[in-house]
Amino acid sequence: MGCGGRGTGAAANALSVRNGPIRLVAMADVFPDRLQGSLTQFQKQFARQVNVPKDRQFIGFEAYRQAMACLRPGDIVILATSPAFRWVHLQEAIERSLHVFMEKPVTVDGPTSRKMFAVAEKTRQKNLKIGVGLMVRHCRGRQELEKRIRDGQIGELFMMRAYRTGGRAGAVGPAPVGTSELLHQVRHFHGFLWASGGLFSDFNIHQIDECCWMKGAWPIQAHGVGGRHYRGNFVDQNFDSYAVEYVFADGARLWFTSRYMPRCHNEFASYVHGTKGSAIVSTSAHTPGRVRLFRGQNLRREDLLWAFPQPEPDPYQLEWDDLVEAIRNDLPYNELERGVQASLVTAMGRMAAHTGQVVKYEDILNSDHEFAPEVDRLTFESPAPLQAGPDGSYPQPMPGEKGMQEY
C-alpha cells in the first residue's frame, strides 16, 4: 500500500530476503504513475517473484481494501502510504489477520497515537508480527553499541545531541490550477502536517529514536524554537529550522537541531555523552552507522575505545530479514507500541517548536487536535483536510498565537 520511494524500497528488501521465497502479488496507490513506475522496476529486478496482473493493481482511496483482499491470513502487507492513513490501513490488516511492515512515522498527532495504542493489544491477541521502519534498531553495530552503553562502558548518559541539516526539503508551492487540492497534498505529503507530521516528524524520527534507545528511556517533555526563512513562493507548513530540547525523567537532555536551507553547514549525525566517555551513534546518514566509543567528550581518534568493524550489513535489509524470520519461526516480534512511542515523542518536539510552549508527554498524548479526523472517509471528490487561504497559502504554525494547537 503506497508505491512511492519508501514503499518501493521496502518491497525490494522484502523480495531480497534470504530466509525463504516471497512473491509480490498486489499493489495499491492513489497515483497510477507511481504504481506503474514501481511495478516496472520490480519486473526488471525481480521478474520471477512478481505476479501483479492488471486485476491486482488498485487505484484509489479504497484500493487498500482491494489489495488486502488478495492476501491470505498470515501473508504480509506493506503499509507505506503517507502516515496519515496508517491507522486506517492497520485496522484492515488486523481484521484480515495479516502480518504488517509499516513505514515510520506511524502517527502524526495525539488522537491517532491513542488509536494505534488501542489496536496494539489486538495485534498481540492475534499473534501478528508487526515491523516498523525504524531500521536503525536492526543495525548490528548500533545493537552492539547499545549493549556496551548498558554495560556502563561510558558511564551514565547525561546528554545526547543529534543534527540533521541539509538543503531545501519539503517545500511545496500552491496547487496548480485544475489540480485536485487533496491529491496535491497527498503527493507532496512532506509539506503538510496532517499527511506526514511535516519534515520534522518524517525526517527526524530516526535520530530521535536512536538516541532514546541508547538512553533506554523516552523523554517526558520538550521545548523548542523554529522559524521560516527566505520562503519565496513556498506555502507548505514546515519551518526551515528547528532546535528542540528533550528532557528525560533523570534530568538528562537530548538536543536536536534540524535545518533545511541551502548553502549552510550540513551535518547528519548523532552523539551521546556519558560520565566516563562518549559515543558516535550515527556518523553521516543512517547507514553505515560507523559507531564508535571514546574516552572523554571530544570524540578524538586518539581517544577511541572501540569501533564496529566495517563494512557493516544494511539495516534496511536486516529489518526485513528479522521480520520474515519471526514470521516463519513464530518468534515474538511486535514493534507497534515502540513505533507509536517514537512517533509521539518526535511529534512532541515538533509541537513544542510550533506552539512555543513547553510540551509534556501527556500534553500531546491527550491532545484533542486531530489533524485529519475524516481521513478514513476520503474519496477523490473529498475536500482536502487542509484548506488554502485566498492567497494560496496554508495555515502555518505561529508560536505563541494558538496556545497548545499547532495551527
Protein backbone atom coordinates (compact mmCIF):
# COMPACT_ATOMS: atom_id res chain seq x y z
CA MET A 1 0.00 0.00 0.00
CA GLY A 2 1.81 3.10 -1.25
CA CYS A 3 4.16 2.71 -4.21
CA GLY A 4 6.40 5.73 -3.71
CA GLY A 5 10.06 5.70 -2.78
CA ARG A 6 9.80 4.03 0.62
CA GLY A 7 7.11 1.56 -0.43
CA THR A 8 9.18 0.52 -3.41
CA GLY A 9 12.30 0.29 -1.28
CA ALA A 10 10.59 -1.79 1.40
CA ALA A 11 9.14 -4.19 -1.15
CA ALA A 12 12.56 -4.58 -2.77
CA ASN A 13 14.01 -5.50 0.63
CA ALA A 14 11.16 -7.98 1.17
CA LEU A 15 11.88 -9.63 -2.17
CA SER A 16 15.57 -9.83 -1.27
CA VAL A 17 15.33 -11.78 1.99
CA ARG A 18 17.44 -14.93 2.20
CA ASN A 19 15.18 -16.90 4.51
CA GLY A 20 12.56 -18.21 2.11
CA PRO A 21 10.66 -17.26 -1.06
CA ILE A 22 8.48 -14.15 -1.16
CA ARG A 23 6.27 -13.02 -4.04
CA LEU A 24 4.66 -9.68 -4.78
CA VAL A 25 1.02 -10.28 -5.73
CA ALA A 26 -0.90 -6.98 -5.35
CA MET A 27 -0.22 -3.24 -5.33
CA ALA A 28 -2.26 -0.16 -4.39
CA ASP A 29 -1.82 3.61 -4.62
CA VAL A 30 -3.87 6.71 -5.38
CA PHE A 31 -1.49 7.67 -8.21
CA PRO A 32 -1.34 5.40 -11.30
CA ASP A 33 2.08 6.74 -12.32
CA ARG A 34 3.64 5.75 -9.02
CA LEU A 35 2.19 2.25 -9.13
CA GLN A 36 3.34 1.70 -12.71
CA GLY A 37 6.80 3.10 -12.07
CA SER A 38 7.26 0.86 -9.06
CA LEU A 39 5.91 -2.21 -10.86
CA THR A 40 8.20 -1.65 -13.84
CA GLN A 41 11.19 -1.53 -11.51
CA PHE A 42 10.16 -4.77 -9.81
CA GLN A 43 9.55 -6.56 -13.11
CA LYS A 44 13.10 -5.74 -14.17
CA GLN A 45 14.78 -6.55 -10.85
CA PHE A 46 12.65 -9.43 -9.51
CA ALA A 47 10.86 -10.80 -12.57
CA ARG A 48 10.44 -14.34 -11.21
CA GLN A 49 8.96 -13.11 -7.91
CA VAL A 50 6.46 -10.57 -9.25
CA ASN A 51 2.97 -11.57 -10.31
CA VAL A 52 0.79 -8.44 -10.31
CA PRO A 53 -1.61 -8.56 -13.27
CA LYS A 54 -3.94 -5.68 -14.08
CA ASP A 55 -6.71 -7.08 -11.89
CA ARG A 56 -4.42 -6.86 -8.85
CA GLN A 57 -3.33 -3.27 -9.47
CA PHE A 58 -5.64 -1.00 -7.50
CA ILE A 59 -6.01 2.78 -7.63
CA GLY A 60 -7.92 4.98 -5.17
CA PHE A 61 -8.51 5.69 -1.51
CA GLU A 62 -10.27 2.32 -1.13
CA ALA A 63 -7.52 0.45 -3.00
CA TYR A 64 -6.01 -0.78 0.24
CA ARG A 65 -9.10 -2.91 0.91
CA GLN A 66 -9.00 -4.42 -2.56
CA ALA A 67 -5.30 -5.21 -2.38
CA MET A 68 -5.52 -6.79 1.07
CA ALA A 69 -8.44 -8.90 -0.13
CA CYS A 70 -5.96 -10.61 -2.46
CA LEU A 71 -3.96 -11.88 0.52
CA ARG A 72 -4.47 -14.84 2.82
CA PRO A 73 -4.24 -14.75 6.62
CA GLY A 74 -0.58 -14.95 7.54
CA ASP A 75 0.61 -13.07 4.46
CA ILE A 76 2.47 -9.74 4.78
CA VAL A 77 1.17 -6.32 3.84
CA ILE A 78 3.43 -3.28 3.47
CA LEU A 79 1.85 -0.02 4.70
CA ALA A 80 3.89 2.74 3.09
CA THR A 81 1.42 5.47 2.19
CA SER A 82 1.78 8.84 3.83
CA PRO A 83 1.49 8.35 7.63
CA ALA A 84 -1.99 9.89 7.98
CA PHE A 85 -3.51 6.69 6.60
CA ARG A 86 -1.52 4.30 8.78
CA TRP A 87 -4.13 3.66 11.47
CA VAL A 88 -6.85 3.11 8.85
CA HIS A 89 -4.84 0.57 6.90
CA LEU A 90 -3.58 -1.19 10.02
CA GLN A 91 -7.11 -1.82 11.23
CA GLU A 92 -7.94 -3.51 7.93
CA ALA A 93 -4.79 -5.63 8.14
CA ILE A 94 -5.68 -6.75 11.67
CA GLU A 95 -9.19 -7.73 10.58
CA ARG A 96 -7.66 -9.87 7.82
CA SER A 97 -5.02 -11.39 10.16
CA LEU A 98 -2.12 -10.10 8.08
CA HIS A 99 1.40 -9.58 9.31
CA VAL A 100 2.49 -5.98 8.75
CA PHE A 101 5.50 -3.93 7.82
CA MET A 102 4.71 -0.24 8.18
CA GLU A 103 6.84 2.76 7.45
CA LYS A 104 7.51 5.44 10.00
CA PRO A 105 6.22 7.65 11.48
CA VAL A 106 3.16 5.60 12.35
CA THR A 107 1.21 8.52 13.86
CA VAL A 108 1.29 12.31 13.49
CA ASP A 109 -0.71 13.61 16.47
CA GLY A 110 -2.14 12.65 19.86
CA PRO A 111 -5.53 11.29 18.74
CA THR A 112 -4.05 8.97 16.09
CA SER A 113 -1.45 7.80 18.62
CA ARG A 114 -4.21 6.84 21.01
CA LYS A 115 -5.91 4.89 18.23
CA MET A 116 -2.72 2.99 17.50
CA PHE A 117 -2.05 2.21 21.16
CA ALA A 118 -5.59 0.87 21.39
CA VAL A 119 -5.19 -1.58 18.50
CA ALA A 120 -1.79 -2.82 19.69
CA GLU A 121 -3.45 -5.33 22.00
CA LYS A 122 -5.40 -6.78 19.08
CA THR A 123 -2.19 -7.46 17.18
CA ARG A 124 -0.83 -9.34 20.20
CA GLN A 125 -4.02 -11.34 20.63
CA LYS A 126 -3.82 -12.46 17.01
CA ASN A 127 -0.06 -13.14 17.27
CA LEU A 128 0.58 -10.83 14.33
CA LYS A 129 4.16 -9.84 13.62
CA ILE A 130 4.46 -6.07 13.21
CA GLY A 131 7.56 -4.40 11.84
CA VAL A 132 8.06 -0.61 11.90
CA GLY A 133 10.53 1.04 9.55
CA LEU A 134 12.91 2.32 12.22
CA MET A 135 15.63 0.23 10.62
CA VAL A 136 18.41 1.67 12.79
CA ARG A 137 17.15 -0.59 15.59
CA HIS A 138 18.22 -3.54 13.42
CA CYS A 139 21.71 -2.19 12.71
CA ARG A 140 24.13 -4.74 14.17
CA GLY A 141 26.69 -2.08 15.01
CA ARG A 142 24.20 0.03 16.94
CA GLN A 143 22.86 -3.05 18.70
CA GLU A 144 26.38 -3.76 19.95
CA LEU A 145 26.86 -0.10 20.88
CA GLU A 146 23.65 -0.13 22.93
CA LYS A 147 24.83 -3.24 24.79
CA ARG A 148 28.15 -1.60 25.61
CA ILE A 149 26.39 1.52 26.88
CA ARG A 150 24.08 -0.65 29.02
CA ASP A 151 27.19 -2.38 30.39
CA GLY A 152 28.45 1.01 31.59
CA GLN A 153 31.44 1.42 29.30
CA ILE A 154 30.91 5.19 29.06
CA GLY A 155 29.04 5.61 32.35
CA GLU A 156 25.59 7.15 32.75
CA LEU A 157 24.33 9.12 29.76
CA PHE A 158 23.62 12.73 30.69
CA MET A 159 23.48 14.38 27.27
CA MET A 160 22.67 13.39 23.71
CA ARG A 161 22.72 15.55 20.63
CA ALA A 162 21.70 14.97 17.05
CA TYR A 163 21.79 17.03 13.86
CA ARG A 164 20.05 16.78 10.52
CA THR A 165 20.88 19.80 8.44
CA GLY A 166 20.84 19.97 4.67
CA GLY A 167 19.38 21.70 1.66
CA ARG A 168 15.81 22.66 0.91
CA ALA A 169 13.30 19.86 1.50
CA GLY A 170 9.54 19.53 1.87
CA ALA A 171 8.97 22.92 0.26
CA VAL A 172 5.64 22.98 -1.58
CA GLY A 173 4.00 25.62 -3.73
CA PRO A 174 0.29 26.21 -4.29
CA ALA A 175 -1.72 23.53 -6.09
CA PRO A 176 -1.56 24.15 -9.86
CA VAL A 177 -4.77 25.36 -11.47
CA GLY A 178 -7.01 22.41 -12.28
CA THR A 179 -5.24 20.08 -9.85
CA SER A 180 -7.11 18.36 -7.04
CA GLU A 181 -6.19 20.08 -3.78
CA LEU A 182 -6.45 16.76 -1.94
CA LEU A 183 -4.18 14.90 -4.37
CA HIS A 184 -1.73 17.81 -4.38
CA GLN A 185 -1.35 17.46 -0.62
CA VAL A 186 -1.13 13.67 -0.71
CA ARG A 187 1.53 13.71 -3.43
CA HIS A 188 3.57 16.37 -1.57
CA PHE A 189 2.84 14.96 1.87
CA HIS A 190 6.07 16.15 3.46
CA GLY A 191 4.72 19.70 3.28
CA PHE A 192 1.55 19.06 5.28
CA LEU A 193 1.24 18.23 8.96
CA TRP A 194 -1.97 16.22 8.57
CA ALA A 195 -0.38 13.93 5.98
CA SER A 196 3.04 13.28 7.47
CA GLY A 197 3.71 15.34 10.58
CA GLY A 198 5.82 17.50 8.27
CA LEU A 199 9.55 17.30 7.77
CA PHE A 200 10.23 17.27 11.49
CA SER A 201 8.34 14.04 12.12
CA ASP A 202 9.11 12.25 8.88
CA PHE A 203 12.82 13.05 8.64
CA ASN A 204 13.94 13.32 12.25
CA ILE A 205 12.25 10.37 13.92
CA HIS A 206 15.18 8.04 13.24
CA GLN A 207 17.75 10.05 15.15
CA ILE A 208 15.41 10.94 17.99
CA ASP A 209 14.52 7.26 18.31
CA GLU A 210 18.12 6.05 18.22
CA CYS A 211 19.17 8.49 20.94
CA CYS A 212 16.25 7.43 23.16
CA TRP A 213 17.22 3.79 22.54
CA MET A 214 20.77 4.47 23.70
CA LYS A 215 19.39 6.25 26.76
CA GLY A 216 16.95 3.42 27.46
CA ALA A 217 14.11 5.87 28.10
CA TRP A 218 11.66 8.24 26.46
CA PRO A 219 11.72 11.97 27.28
CA ILE A 220 8.97 13.44 29.43
CA GLN A 221 8.84 16.94 27.92
CA ALA A 222 10.20 19.17 25.19
CA HIS A 223 10.79 22.83 24.50
CA GLY A 224 11.82 24.15 21.11
CA VAL A 225 12.16 27.01 18.69
CA GLY A 226 11.97 27.25 14.93
CA GLY A 227 11.21 29.57 12.08
CA ARG A 228 10.54 30.12 8.40
CA HIS A 229 13.15 31.94 6.31
CA TYR A 230 13.54 33.03 2.67
CA ARG A 231 10.33 31.22 1.72
CA GLY A 232 9.69 32.70 -1.71
CA ASN A 233 6.54 31.12 -3.16
CA PHE A 234 6.55 28.06 -0.92
CA VAL A 235 3.35 27.79 1.10
CA ASP A 236 3.75 24.49 2.98
CA GLN A 237 3.53 24.18 6.78
CA ASN A 238 7.17 23.39 7.58
CA PHE A 239 9.63 25.52 9.45
CA ASP A 240 13.06 25.74 7.83
CA SER A 241 14.92 25.37 11.13
CA TYR A 242 14.19 23.65 14.43
CA ALA A 243 16.06 23.39 17.72
CA VAL A 244 14.45 21.18 20.37
CA GLU A 245 15.50 20.33 23.92
CA TYR A 246 14.09 17.00 25.11
CA VAL A 247 14.16 16.38 28.88
CA PHE A 248 14.27 12.91 30.50
CA ALA A 249 12.98 11.96 33.93
CA ASP A 250 16.51 11.85 35.38
CA GLY A 251 17.32 15.32 34.04
CA ALA A 252 19.35 14.16 31.04
CA ARG A 253 18.93 16.15 27.83
CA LEU A 254 18.66 15.38 24.13
CA TRP A 255 19.36 18.40 21.94
CA PHE A 256 18.05 18.04 18.41
CA THR A 257 18.84 20.50 15.62
CA SER A 258 17.49 20.42 12.08
CA ARG A 259 17.70 22.91 9.24
CA TYR A 260 16.66 22.66 5.59
CA MET A 261 18.34 25.60 3.91
CA PRO A 262 20.88 25.71 1.06
CA ARG A 263 24.44 26.97 1.39
CA CYS A 264 24.64 26.30 5.14
CA HIS A 265 26.75 23.90 7.18
CA ASN A 266 25.41 20.36 6.74
CA GLU A 267 25.58 17.57 9.32
CA PHE A 268 23.69 14.30 9.66
CA ALA A 269 24.92 12.68 12.87
CA SER A 270 24.04 11.64 16.43
CA TYR A 271 26.20 11.61 19.56
CA VAL A 272 25.78 10.54 23.19
CA HIS A 273 27.79 11.63 26.21
CA GLY A 274 28.25 9.68 29.43
CA THR A 275 30.02 10.30 32.72
CA LYS A 276 33.02 8.21 31.58
CA GLY A 277 33.08 8.78 27.83
CA SER A 278 31.10 9.41 24.66
CA ALA A 279 29.94 7.67 21.51
CA ILE A 280 29.01 8.27 17.90
CA VAL A 281 25.63 6.69 17.11
CA SER A 282 25.37 7.92 13.50
CA THR A 283 28.34 9.29 11.61
CA SER A 284 26.85 10.60 8.37
CA ALA A 285 23.28 9.49 7.49
CA HIS A 286 21.56 6.33 8.68
CA THR A 287 23.87 3.77 7.11
CA PRO A 288 26.62 2.87 7.54
CA GLY A 289 26.46 3.92 11.19
CA ARG A 290 30.22 3.53 11.84
CA VAL A 291 29.53 3.59 15.57
CA ARG A 292 32.41 4.24 17.99
CA LEU A 293 33.14 4.64 21.70
CA PHE A 294 35.61 7.20 23.09
CA ARG A 295 37.29 8.20 26.31
CA GLY A 296 36.30 11.73 27.30
CA GLN A 297 33.90 14.03 25.50
CA ASN A 298 35.83 15.26 22.46
CA LEU A 299 35.36 12.26 20.11
CA ARG A 300 39.03 12.31 19.10
CA ARG A 301 40.69 9.48 17.18
CA GLU A 302 43.41 9.12 19.82
CA ASP A 303 40.70 8.53 22.45
CA LEU A 304 38.99 5.71 20.54
CA LEU A 305 37.94 2.77 22.73
CA TRP A 306 36.03 0.64 20.24
CA ALA A 307 34.61 0.74 16.70
CA PHE A 308 32.26 -1.66 14.97
CA PRO A 309 34.06 -3.49 12.13
CA GLN A 310 33.45 -2.29 8.59
CA PRO A 311 31.79 -2.89 6.19
CA GLU A 312 28.54 -3.40 8.06
CA PRO A 313 25.28 -5.00 6.88
CA ASP A 314 22.49 -2.82 5.51
CA PRO A 315 19.86 -2.21 8.23
CA TYR A 316 17.13 -1.67 5.62
CA GLN A 317 17.64 -5.31 4.63
CA LEU A 318 18.21 -6.56 8.16
CA GLU A 319 14.83 -5.30 9.38
CA TRP A 320 13.17 -7.44 6.71
CA ASP A 321 15.36 -10.47 7.39
CA ASP A 322 14.42 -10.22 11.07
CA LEU A 323 10.69 -9.80 10.38
CA VAL A 324 10.46 -12.74 7.97
CA GLU A 325 12.46 -14.95 10.34
CA ALA A 326 9.98 -14.14 13.13
CA ILE A 327 7.02 -14.95 10.88
CA ARG A 328 8.42 -18.23 9.59
CA ASN A 329 9.57 -19.42 13.02
CA ASP A 330 6.77 -17.84 15.09
CA LEU A 331 9.13 -15.75 17.20
CA PRO A 332 7.95 -12.81 19.33
CA TYR A 333 8.01 -9.72 17.11
CA ASN A 334 5.84 -6.66 17.54
CA GLU A 335 7.30 -3.18 17.12
CA LEU A 336 3.98 -1.33 17.07
CA GLU A 337 3.95 0.24 20.54
CA ARG A 338 7.59 1.27 20.25
CA GLY A 339 6.87 2.78 16.85
CA VAL A 340 3.97 4.78 18.26
CA GLN A 341 6.14 5.96 21.18
CA ALA A 342 8.87 7.12 18.81
CA SER A 343 6.33 8.89 16.59
CA LEU A 344 4.65 10.59 19.54
CA VAL A 345 7.90 11.72 21.17
CA THR A 346 9.10 13.12 17.85
CA ALA A 347 5.80 14.97 17.44
CA MET A 348 6.16 16.30 20.99
CA GLY A 349 9.29 18.18 19.91
CA ARG A 350 7.61 19.43 16.77
CA MET A 351 4.61 20.62 18.79
CA ALA A 352 6.91 22.45 21.21
CA ALA A 353 8.58 24.37 18.38
CA HIS A 354 5.31 25.09 16.58
CA THR A 355 3.46 26.34 19.68
CA GLY A 356 6.32 27.98 21.56
CA GLN A 357 5.26 26.11 24.71
CA VAL A 358 6.86 23.53 26.97
CA VAL A 359 5.05 20.35 25.91
CA LYS A 360 4.87 17.36 28.23
CA TYR A 361 4.35 13.82 27.01
CA GLU A 362 0.85 13.81 28.49
CA ASP A 363 0.04 17.06 26.68
CA ILE A 364 0.49 15.65 23.22
CA LEU A 365 -0.85 12.19 24.07
CA ASN A 366 -4.09 13.71 25.39
CA SER A 367 -4.34 16.50 22.82
CA ASP A 368 -7.70 16.70 21.02
CA HIS A 369 -6.23 18.29 17.88
CA GLU A 370 -6.60 15.52 15.30
CA PHE A 371 -5.18 16.86 12.04
CA ALA A 372 -7.37 14.76 9.70
CA PRO A 373 -10.27 13.22 11.64
CA GLU A 374 -12.07 12.03 8.48
CA VAL A 375 -9.08 10.53 6.71
CA ASP A 376 -10.77 7.10 6.69
CA ARG A 377 -13.61 8.52 4.57
CA LEU A 378 -11.62 10.36 1.89
CA THR A 379 -12.51 9.90 -1.78
CA PHE A 380 -11.24 11.57 -4.94
CA GLU A 381 -14.10 14.06 -4.58
CA SER A 382 -13.40 14.94 -0.93
CA PRO A 383 -12.12 18.37 0.11
CA ALA A 384 -8.58 18.32 1.44
CA PRO A 385 -8.19 18.18 5.24
CA LEU A 386 -6.24 21.46 4.97
CA GLN A 387 -7.67 24.37 3.01
CA ALA A 388 -5.59 27.13 1.47
CA GLY A 389 -6.45 30.77 2.05
CA PRO A 390 -7.24 33.35 -0.66
CA ASP A 391 -3.53 33.90 -1.27
CA GLY A 392 -2.91 30.19 -1.79
CA SER A 393 -1.01 29.73 1.47
CA TYR A 394 -1.96 27.15 4.08
CA PRO A 395 -2.45 27.63 7.84
CA GLN A 396 1.01 27.69 9.34
CA PRO A 397 2.34 27.29 12.87
CA MET A 398 2.55 30.61 14.71
CA PRO A 399 4.30 30.11 18.08
CA GLY A 400 2.56 31.92 20.93
CA GLU A 401 -0.59 32.65 18.93
CA LYS A 402 -2.66 29.46 19.18
CA GLY A 403 -1.93 28.11 22.66
CA MET A 404 -1.24 24.36 22.51
CA GLN A 405 -2.57 23.96 18.96
CA GLU A 406 -0.03 23.78 16.16
CA TYR A 407 -2.15 25.56 13.54
